[in-house]
Protein backbone atom coordinates (compact mmCIF):
# COMPACT_ATOMS: atom_id res chain seq x y z
CA MET A 1 0.24 -9.01 -21.37
CA ALA A 2 2.85 -7.18 -19.28
CA ARG A 3 1.55 -4.81 -16.67
CA LEU A 4 2.06 -1.06 -17.16
CA PRO A 5 3.97 0.90 -14.50
CA ALA A 6 1.75 1.93 -11.61
CA GLU A 7 1.64 5.50 -12.70
CA GLN A 8 0.26 4.52 -16.09
CA GLU A 9 -1.88 1.81 -14.81
CA MET A 10 -3.87 4.05 -12.37
CA SER A 11 -6.43 6.74 -13.06
CA GLY A 12 -6.62 9.53 -10.76
CA GLY A 13 -4.23 7.67 -8.42
CA LYS A 14 -6.37 4.57 -8.21
CA SER A 15 -6.00 1.21 -9.99
CA PRO A 16 -9.11 -0.65 -10.86
CA ARG A 17 -8.46 -3.03 -7.81
CA GLN A 18 -8.07 0.04 -5.63
CA LYS A 19 -11.44 1.41 -6.77
CA VAL A 20 -13.06 -2.00 -6.02
CA TRP A 21 -11.47 -2.29 -2.62
CA ALA A 22 -12.64 1.24 -1.72
CA GLN A 23 -16.16 0.37 -2.53
CA ILE A 24 -16.12 -2.89 -0.75
CA ARG A 25 -14.89 -1.14 2.46
CA LYS A 26 -17.80 1.31 1.92
CA GLN A 27 -20.36 -1.40 1.61
CA HIS A 28 -18.60 -3.70 3.94
CA ASP A 29 -21.57 -5.63 5.48
CA ARG A 30 -23.48 -6.26 2.32
CA PHE A 31 -22.71 -5.89 -1.35
CA THR A 32 -22.93 -7.45 -4.89
CA GLN A 33 -20.64 -7.39 -7.56
CA ALA A 34 -23.14 -5.40 -9.70
CA GLN A 35 -23.10 -2.77 -6.97
CA ILE A 36 -19.36 -2.49 -7.07
CA VAL A 37 -19.44 -2.16 -10.82
CA GLU A 38 -21.89 0.73 -10.73
CA ARG A 39 -20.52 2.63 -7.77
CA GLY A 40 -16.97 2.08 -8.41
CA LYS A 41 -17.09 2.87 -12.12
CA VAL A 42 -14.99 -0.29 -12.83
CA SER A 43 -15.50 -2.90 -15.48
CA GLU A 44 -17.37 -6.16 -14.75
CA ASP A 45 -14.35 -8.31 -15.50
CA ALA A 46 -12.01 -6.26 -13.07
CA VAL A 47 -14.60 -6.64 -10.22
CA LYS A 48 -15.24 -10.26 -11.01
CA ASP A 49 -11.43 -11.14 -11.07
CA TYR A 50 -10.65 -9.14 -7.82
CA VAL A 51 -13.56 -10.61 -6.00
CA LYS A 52 -12.56 -14.15 -6.93
CA VAL A 53 -9.07 -13.71 -5.30
CA LEU A 54 -10.52 -11.82 -2.38
CA LEU A 55 -12.64 -14.94 -1.63
CA LYS A 56 -9.58 -17.25 -2.11
CA ALA A 57 -7.58 -15.17 0.29
CA GLY A 58 -10.27 -14.91 2.95
CA PHE A 59 -10.88 -11.12 2.75
CA ILE A 60 -14.68 -11.43 1.93
CA ALA A 61 -17.26 -14.20 2.26
CA VAL A 62 -20.58 -14.98 0.53
CA ILE A 63 -23.25 -14.37 3.09
CA ASP A 64 -26.51 -14.55 1.05
CA SER A 65 -27.93 -14.68 -2.41
CA GLU A 66 -30.67 -12.80 -4.13
CA PRO A 67 -32.81 -13.34 -7.08
CA VAL A 68 -31.86 -11.83 -10.59
CA GLY A 69 -35.02 -12.03 -12.80
CA THR A 70 -37.03 -15.37 -12.35
CA MET A 71 -34.39 -17.95 -13.02
CA CYS A 72 -31.05 -16.70 -11.67
CA LYS A 73 -29.48 -15.66 -8.40
CA ARG A 74 -26.35 -13.70 -7.50
CA ASN A 75 -24.00 -13.89 -4.48
CA VAL A 76 -24.16 -11.31 -1.66
CA TYR A 77 -20.80 -10.55 -0.11
CA ALA A 78 -19.44 -9.05 3.10
CA LEU A 79 -16.12 -7.90 4.13
CA ILE A 80 -14.62 -9.97 6.92
CA LYS A 81 -10.94 -8.99 6.98
CA ASP A 82 -10.22 -5.34 6.48
CA ASN A 83 -6.71 -4.65 5.35
CA GLY A 84 -6.84 -0.98 5.67
CA VAL A 85 -7.12 1.70 2.96
CA GLU A 86 -4.51 -0.05 0.54
CA ALA A 87 -6.08 -2.77 -1.75
CA PRO A 88 -4.62 -6.17 -0.71
CA ARG A 89 -2.01 -7.49 -3.39
CA ILE A 90 -3.24 -10.98 -4.18
CA THR A 91 -2.16 -13.59 -6.82
CA LYS A 92 -4.44 -15.47 -8.96
CA LYS A 93 -3.96 -18.38 -6.45
CA GLY A 94 -5.20 -16.26 -3.68
CA GLU A 95 -1.69 -15.66 -2.00
CA VAL A 96 -1.25 -12.31 -0.44
CA VAL A 97 1.75 -10.44 -1.67
CA ILE A 98 3.27 -8.78 1.58
CA GLN A 99 5.39 -6.01 0.34
CA GLY A 100 2.67 -3.59 -0.20
CA SER A 101 1.44 -4.17 3.32
CA VAL A 102 4.78 -3.70 4.77
CA ASN A 103 5.18 -0.37 3.13
CA GLU A 104 1.76 0.60 4.35
CA ALA A 105 2.75 -0.33 7.83
CA MET A 106 5.80 1.93 7.74
CA TRP A 107 3.94 4.71 6.09
CA GLY A 108 1.32 4.67 8.79
CA THR A 109 3.90 4.57 11.55
CA LEU A 110 5.50 7.63 10.09
CA ARG A 111 2.09 9.50 9.84
CA ARG A 112 0.85 8.47 13.34
CA VAL A 113 3.39 7.01 15.60
CA LEU A 114 6.55 8.88 14.68
CA LYS A 115 5.10 12.12 13.52
CA GLY A 116 7.14 15.08 14.86
CA GLN A 117 9.79 12.64 16.37
CA ASN A 118 13.28 11.95 15.38
CA PHE A 119 13.97 8.16 14.47
CA ASP A 120 16.40 5.82 12.70
CA TYR A 121 15.54 3.10 10.35
CA ARG A 122 15.88 0.42 13.13
CA GLU A 123 13.20 2.20 15.24
CA LEU A 124 10.88 2.60 12.22
CA ALA A 125 11.26 -1.19 11.61
CA ALA A 126 10.55 -1.93 15.30
CA PHE A 127 7.42 0.39 15.64
CA ALA A 128 6.01 -0.83 12.25
CA SER A 129 6.21 -4.58 13.18
CA THR A 130 3.33 -6.45 14.73
CA ASN A 131 2.65 -9.98 15.95
CA SER A 132 1.41 -10.98 12.57
CA GLN A 133 4.00 -8.98 10.37
CA THR A 134 7.69 -8.31 10.97
CA VAL A 135 9.40 -5.39 9.11
CA ALA A 136 12.86 -6.27 8.41
CA GLU A 137 15.43 -3.63 9.30
CA GLU A 138 17.08 -3.82 5.87
CA THR A 139 13.63 -3.18 4.30
CA ALA A 140 13.07 -0.13 6.61
CA LYS A 141 16.60 1.11 5.72
CA THR A 142 15.74 1.07 1.99
CA TYR A 143 12.40 2.78 2.60
CA VAL A 144 14.03 5.58 4.65
CA LEU A 145 16.75 6.04 1.94
CA MET A 146 14.08 6.35 -0.82
CA LEU A 147 11.65 8.57 1.11
CA THR A 148 14.59 10.87 2.09
CA ASN A 149 15.61 11.16 -1.63
CA ALA A 150 11.91 12.02 -2.63
CA GLY A 151 11.72 14.68 0.07
CA TYR A 152 9.26 13.05 2.59
CA LEU A 153 12.11 12.83 5.31
CA GLU A 154 14.75 15.08 6.49
CA CYS A 155 18.13 13.96 7.85
CA VAL A 156 18.35 15.42 11.42
CA THR A 157 21.59 13.66 12.24
CA ALA A 158 24.03 12.32 9.78
CA PRO A 159 25.07 8.66 10.09
CA VAL A 160 28.34 8.01 11.74
CA LEU A 161 30.73 5.57 10.04
CA GLY A 162 33.67 3.53 11.38
CA ARG A 163 34.28 1.86 14.71
CA ARG A 164 31.59 3.99 16.47
CA ALA A 165 29.04 3.63 13.73
CA ARG A 166 25.45 4.69 14.28
CA PRO A 167 22.63 5.07 12.02
CA GLY A 168 21.44 8.55 10.91
CA ARG A 169 18.29 10.04 12.42
CA TYR A 170 15.37 11.31 10.46
CA ARG A 171 12.18 13.31 10.76
CA PHE A 172 8.91 13.04 8.70
CA LYS A 173 8.14 16.40 7.08
CA PRO A 174 4.40 17.46 8.02
CA ASN A 175 3.89 19.04 4.65
CA MET A 176 4.68 15.58 2.98
CA ASP A 177 1.93 13.94 4.62
CA THR A 178 0.25 13.33 1.12
CA GLY A 179 -2.49 10.89 2.27
CA PRO A 180 -3.12 7.31 3.62
CA ARG A 181 -1.66 5.30 0.85
CA ALA A 182 1.95 4.35 1.18
CA PRO A 183 4.47 5.71 -1.44
CA MET A 184 5.69 2.75 -3.73
CA ILE A 185 9.23 1.97 -4.29
CA GLN A 186 9.26 0.66 -7.89
CA ARG A 187 11.64 -1.61 -9.55
CA THR A 188 12.83 1.23 -11.81
CA LYS A 189 14.26 2.80 -8.58
CA GLN A 190 11.63 5.55 -8.44
CA VAL A 191 9.22 6.71 -5.74
CA TYR A 192 5.66 6.82 -6.88
CA ASP A 193 2.88 8.39 -4.68
CA PRO A 194 -0.63 7.05 -5.29
CA ASN A 195 -2.04 9.75 -3.27
CA LYS A 196 -0.81 12.38 -5.79
CA ASN A 197 -0.63 10.09 -8.69
CA ARG A 198 2.96 11.38 -9.22
CA VAL A 199 6.41 10.07 -9.59
CA MET A 200 8.08 11.94 -6.82
CA TRP A 201 11.74 10.81 -7.28
CA VAL A 202 13.70 8.99 -9.93
CA GLU A 203 17.23 7.70 -9.13
CA GLU A 204 19.92 9.40 -11.11
CA LYS A 205 23.79 8.49 -11.25
CA GLY A 206 25.36 9.36 -7.86
CA ASP A 207 22.20 8.83 -5.73
CA GLU A 208 23.11 5.26 -4.64
CA ASP A 209 24.48 6.31 -1.10
CA GLU A 210 23.46 3.84 1.70
CA VAL A 211 21.55 4.82 4.69
CA MET A 212 23.53 3.69 7.92
């Protein structure tokens, strides 16, 4: 079955995986699948499927077992790699999809490092990059464009074209700090904010201008 768009798949701004991840972080040192089901208000299948791939990807580990009745036991888990507030995107094979973490890195940089400062997309890419994850300038360029269109950023200095070209400079609007989860750039060319559970901007004809 094809997946629904994010804004339809999520309830209250959180997908089932996001709810599972939030509970895992709360109970990080010791938890069972049954506890996650009960406290996260998520189906057993959703918890089972996500726990399985989290194990494969090395985010959690089995640390113990406990009896269930007289004949059975169940695993006890612990969080060993905290990815931050955003639930890791993981394939069935246990491979981490990095795009979400790149957006989270840029969003966190805007909220904490560049808050109140002017910047261009190259500086955003540099500040958001780490030893384990490099943010490409083209990726930052697209994110700046989309967040500007959606009203999160304001253009302070317009880009200059031609022989003396230089990128535009931007500022993060304080009143657009909607929460810790990074706005998502969807394939339909719209910006969805999981903190507000809202589509904040949809591309219309004439909105294709490049950020330089």
